[in-house]
Every structure is written in C-alpha cells, then in structure tokens.
C-alpha cells in the first residue's frame, strides 16, 4: 500500500490487529514520470476515461463513507491531485451518499431505500453533499484549489 501521510494512523490499527507488515523504501527519482502519457491515453480512449472517472468517484465516495473519519477524512483530500492520479486533468463532480440517500443511476434523482410499500410520508431527511474541485489562477501561474 502506498499511503498518504494522513493515512499512516491506519498502520497502527493493523499492528494492533497483529497483521504482519513489511515496509519498503524506494527512491522516487528512480521511478519513471509517466503522468503526461497517462493523461493523454485517458483523454484519447473513451472507455479508459469512463473507467477512470468511475474509479475517481468511487474513491472519493469511499473516503466520504469510511467509518475511520480521523484517518480517512474526505476534507483532507486534494481532489485535483486525486484526479491526476486517475489520469484526468479535470476532477469530475462527485455526489456522495450520506445517511442512506443514494443517487438514482438512471434518472439522476435521489431516492431513499427505506421508501417501500407506499410510505412516502415517512421520508427521512438525508443530506447530500457534492464534492467538486475548483481551481483558480493565482499570480505567477500558481493553482489554488477550493472544495466543499
């Protein structure tokens, strides 16, 4: 596993569960930089782009729904960098399902899985958060990212 610095706390939980761990060190200078080739390949191939987009969305949703919020906090993610790791130059918007409210895959409307047998008046109010990376140009070409 390659982990972000915020995720290192998960290693402590694995050690407490007596999971055998091995640490490997490597030099980043010896690793080939293929980011540009990856972005070009993802941009050219529709199916790879759609797979990367779904992978990105699922990654962000998994962070948002994780029970270990002190380790896997979606607010600490740099969404632009996460999108780049999936080979996309623009981060797509992600609807996360919080409190049991899911996105309907065909119609784009939210539904509550507890609404069965005509109990529409018993709808629970759920919150729906959209995570979207927004980049603004700052002086001297620096990118600044804001997200919600």
Protein backbone atom coordinates (compact mmCIF):
# COMPACT_ATOMS: atom_id res chain seq x y z
CA UNK A 1 0.00 0.00 0.00
CA UNK A 2 1.16 3.48 -0.78
CA UNK A 3 -0.35 5.76 1.82
CA UNK A 4 -0.87 9.45 2.26
CA UNK A 5 0.67 10.94 5.43
CA UNK A 6 -2.83 11.33 6.89
CA UNK A 7 -3.45 7.58 6.48
CA UNK A 8 -0.42 6.34 8.43
CA UNK A 9 -2.63 6.02 11.52
CA UNK A 10 -4.24 3.01 9.83
CA UNK A 11 -0.93 1.15 10.21
CA UNK A 12 -1.29 1.37 13.98
CA UNK A 13 -4.69 -0.33 13.75
CA UNK A 14 -3.20 -3.09 11.59
CA UNK A 15 -0.37 -3.61 14.09
CA UNK A 16 -2.89 -3.79 16.96
CA UNK A 17 -4.75 -6.48 14.99
CA UNK A 18 -1.39 -8.30 14.64
CA UNK A 19 -1.40 -8.11 10.85
CA UNK A 20 2.14 -8.77 9.58
CA UNK A 21 3.53 -5.70 7.83
CA UNK A 22 6.67 -5.09 5.79
CA UNK A 23 7.93 -1.65 4.89
CA UNK A 24 9.79 -0.96 1.67
CA UNK A 25 11.66 2.19 0.86
CA UNK A 26 12.34 3.31 -2.67
CA UNK A 27 13.70 6.36 -4.36
CA UNK A 28 11.15 8.50 -6.18
CA UNK A 29 13.91 9.66 -8.52
CA UNK A 30 14.20 6.13 -9.93
CA UNK A 31 10.52 5.95 -10.84
CA UNK A 32 9.64 6.99 -14.39
CA UNK A 33 7.35 10.01 -14.73
CA UNK A 34 4.52 8.77 -16.94
CA UNK A 35 1.88 11.30 -15.87
CA UNK A 36 1.68 13.08 -19.24
CA UNK A 37 1.43 9.80 -21.18
CA UNK A 38 -1.27 8.56 -18.78
CA UNK A 39 -3.31 11.75 -19.19
CA UNK A 40 -3.03 11.59 -22.99
CA UNK A 41 -4.06 7.92 -23.05
CA UNK A 42 -7.06 8.54 -20.77
CA UNK A 43 -8.10 11.55 -22.89
CA UNK A 44 -7.93 9.59 -26.16
CA UNK A 45 -9.75 6.43 -25.10
CA UNK A 46 -13.41 6.89 -24.16
CA UNK A 47 -13.66 3.63 -22.21
CA UNK A 48 -10.49 4.28 -20.22
CA UNK A 49 -11.77 7.79 -19.46
CA UNK A 50 -15.10 6.46 -18.21
CA UNK A 51 -13.33 3.81 -16.10
CA UNK A 52 -11.01 6.45 -14.62
CA UNK A 53 -13.99 8.71 -13.91
CA UNK A 54 -15.90 5.95 -12.11
CA UNK A 55 -12.78 4.92 -10.19
CA UNK A 56 -12.24 8.53 -9.08
CA UNK A 57 -15.87 8.88 -7.97
CA UNK A 58 -15.78 5.60 -6.05
CA UNK A 59 -12.51 6.56 -4.37
CA UNK A 60 -13.96 9.87 -3.13
CA UNK A 61 -17.22 8.20 -2.05
CA UNK A 62 -15.28 5.55 -0.13
CA UNK A 63 -13.44 8.31 1.71
CA UNK A 64 -16.71 10.09 2.47
CA UNK A 65 -18.36 6.91 3.81
CA UNK A 66 -15.42 5.47 5.74
CA UNK A 67 -16.01 4.84 9.42
CA UNK A 68 -12.49 5.90 10.47
CA UNK A 69 -13.06 9.61 9.89
CA UNK A 70 -10.00 10.59 11.89
CA UNK A 71 -7.81 8.73 9.35
CA UNK A 72 -9.86 8.81 6.15
CA UNK A 73 -11.31 12.33 6.15
CA UNK A 74 -12.58 13.40 2.73
CA UNK A 75 -11.93 17.04 3.62
CA UNK A 76 -8.18 16.39 3.63
CA UNK A 77 -8.17 15.13 0.04
CA UNK A 78 -6.70 17.35 -2.66
CA UNK A 79 -9.30 16.49 -5.30
CA UNK A 80 -7.24 17.85 -8.18
CA UNK A 81 -4.30 15.61 -7.24
CA UNK A 82 -6.60 12.62 -6.81
CA UNK A 83 -8.00 13.23 -10.29
CA UNK A 84 -4.45 13.44 -11.67
CA UNK A 85 -3.64 10.09 -10.06
CA UNK A 86 -6.51 8.63 -12.10
CA UNK A 87 -5.12 10.25 -15.27
CA UNK A 88 -7.69 13.04 -15.53
CA UNK A 89 -6.75 16.71 -15.79
CA UNK A 90 -10.17 17.88 -14.56
CA UNK A 91 -11.76 16.45 -11.42
CA UNK A 92 -15.38 15.39 -12.02
CA UNK A 93 -18.10 16.30 -9.53
CA UNK A 94 -18.97 13.52 -7.08
CA UNK A 95 -22.27 13.02 -5.31
CA UNK A 96 -21.72 11.11 -2.10
CA UNK A 97 -24.49 9.12 -0.47
CA UNK A 98 -24.79 10.18 3.15
CA UNK A 99 -27.44 8.97 5.62
CA UNK A 100 -28.83 6.30 3.28
CA UNK A 101 -29.74 8.62 0.43
CA UNK A 102 -28.46 7.22 -2.86
CA UNK A 103 -28.18 8.69 -6.31
CA UNK A 104 -30.54 7.03 -8.73
CA UNK A 105 -28.33 5.64 -11.50
CA UNK A 106 -30.72 6.28 -14.39
CA UNK A 107 -32.70 9.39 -13.63
CA UNK A 108 -30.24 11.42 -11.58
CA UNK A 109 -32.72 11.83 -8.71
CA UNK A 110 -32.14 10.85 -5.13
CA UNK A 111 -34.13 8.09 -3.54
CA UNK A 112 -34.35 6.69 -0.06
CA UNK A 113 -34.06 2.89 0.10
CA UNK A 114 -36.44 2.88 3.08
CA UNK A 115 -39.32 4.11 0.91
CA UNK A 116 -41.14 0.87 0.21
CA UNK A 117 -44.81 -0.09 0.47
CA UNK A 118 -46.02 3.46 -0.14
CA UNK A 119 -44.52 5.06 3.00
CA UNK A 120 -43.66 8.26 1.19
CA UNK A 121 -44.79 10.47 4.07
CA UNK A 122 -42.18 8.83 6.33
CA UNK A 123 -39.24 10.04 4.25
CA UNK A 124 -36.13 10.63 6.33
CA UNK A 125 -34.31 13.83 5.63
CA UNK A 126 -30.82 12.96 4.39
CA UNK A 127 -28.02 15.31 3.49
CA UNK A 128 -26.47 15.18 0.07
CA UNK A 129 -23.03 16.66 -0.41
CA UNK A 130 -21.43 17.29 -3.78
CA UNK A 131 -17.63 17.31 -3.80
CA UNK A 132 -16.17 19.28 -6.68
CA UNK A 133 -12.66 20.58 -7.15
CA UNK A 134 -12.38 24.16 -8.36
CA UNK A 135 -9.06 25.67 -9.42
CA UNK A 136 -8.39 29.38 -9.62
CA UNK A 137 -5.36 31.00 -11.20
CA UNK A 138 -3.30 32.95 -8.75
CA UNK A 139 -0.48 35.34 -9.54
CA UNK A 140 2.56 33.84 -11.24
CA UNK A 141 0.64 30.77 -12.51
CA UNK A 142 0.09 29.08 -9.14
CA UNK A 143 -3.04 26.95 -8.81
CA UNK A 144 -5.17 27.23 -5.69
CA UNK A 145 -7.84 24.63 -5.02
CA UNK A 146 -11.07 25.02 -3.11
CA UNK A 147 -13.51 22.20 -2.44
CA UNK A 148 -16.64 21.50 -0.48
